[in-house]
């Protein structure tokens, strides 16, 4: 799942992977629905956090 993405994603990568806009991607990380951290002014998301989010959403 998401093999073509690096282990650490940017907001733009996250938006592309989920096929959503960057505004929605920012909302997901700011709300804590997807675990992420800030490095300077940039958000970083692990691929594991993305996969966890997708699996959790699939169970609903």
Protein backbone atom coordinates (compact mmCIF):
# COMPACT_ATOMS: atom_id res chain seq x y z
CA UNK A 1 0.00 0.00 0.00
CA UNK A 2 1.42 3.40 -1.03
CA UNK A 3 4.68 1.81 -2.24
CA UNK A 4 5.54 4.69 -4.52
CA UNK A 5 5.71 7.15 -1.62
CA UNK A 6 8.73 7.72 0.63
CA UNK A 7 8.61 6.67 4.29
CA UNK A 8 8.09 10.32 5.31
CA UNK A 9 5.41 12.29 3.46
CA UNK A 10 4.70 15.98 3.09
CA UNK A 11 1.23 17.50 3.13
CA UNK A 12 1.30 17.48 -0.66
CA UNK A 13 2.20 13.77 -0.70
CA UNK A 14 -0.58 13.04 1.79
CA UNK A 15 -3.10 14.90 -0.34
CA UNK A 16 -1.99 13.01 -3.44
CA UNK A 17 -2.07 9.63 -1.68
CA UNK A 18 -5.60 10.20 -0.36
CA UNK A 19 -6.77 12.02 -3.51
CA UNK A 20 -7.86 15.06 -1.50
CA UNK A 21 -6.91 18.71 -1.50
CA UNK A 22 -4.11 20.14 0.61
CA UNK A 23 -6.60 22.07 2.77
CA UNK A 24 -8.27 18.81 3.77
CA UNK A 25 -4.86 17.20 4.36
CA UNK A 26 -3.94 20.05 6.74
CA UNK A 27 -7.24 19.53 8.58
CA UNK A 28 -6.50 15.83 9.05
CA UNK A 29 -3.08 16.41 10.61
CA UNK A 30 -4.10 19.44 12.69
CA UNK A 31 -7.05 17.54 14.14
CA UNK A 32 -4.84 14.58 15.03
CA UNK A 33 -6.76 12.15 12.83
CA UNK A 34 -3.46 11.42 11.12
CA UNK A 35 -0.41 11.45 13.38
CA UNK A 36 2.17 13.95 12.17
CA UNK A 37 4.87 16.27 13.44
CA UNK A 38 6.24 19.62 12.42
CA UNK A 39 9.81 20.06 11.32
CA UNK A 40 10.27 23.81 11.25
CA UNK A 41 7.21 25.06 9.40
CA UNK A 42 6.62 21.84 7.45
CA UNK A 43 4.42 18.93 8.48
CA UNK A 44 5.90 15.44 8.19
CA UNK A 45 3.73 12.33 8.12
CA UNK A 46 5.04 8.79 8.34
CA UNK A 47 3.78 6.30 5.80
CA UNK A 48 2.83 4.09 8.75
CA UNK A 49 0.54 6.83 10.10
CA UNK A 50 -1.12 7.13 6.69
CA UNK A 51 -1.68 3.37 6.46
CA UNK A 52 -3.05 3.28 10.01
CA UNK A 53 -5.49 6.07 9.18
CA UNK A 54 -6.73 4.32 6.03
CA UNK A 55 -7.19 1.02 7.85
CA UNK A 56 -9.08 2.71 10.72
CA UNK A 57 -11.35 4.52 8.28
CA UNK A 58 -12.03 1.27 6.45
CA UNK A 59 -13.38 -0.32 9.65
CA UNK A 60 -16.06 2.34 10.15
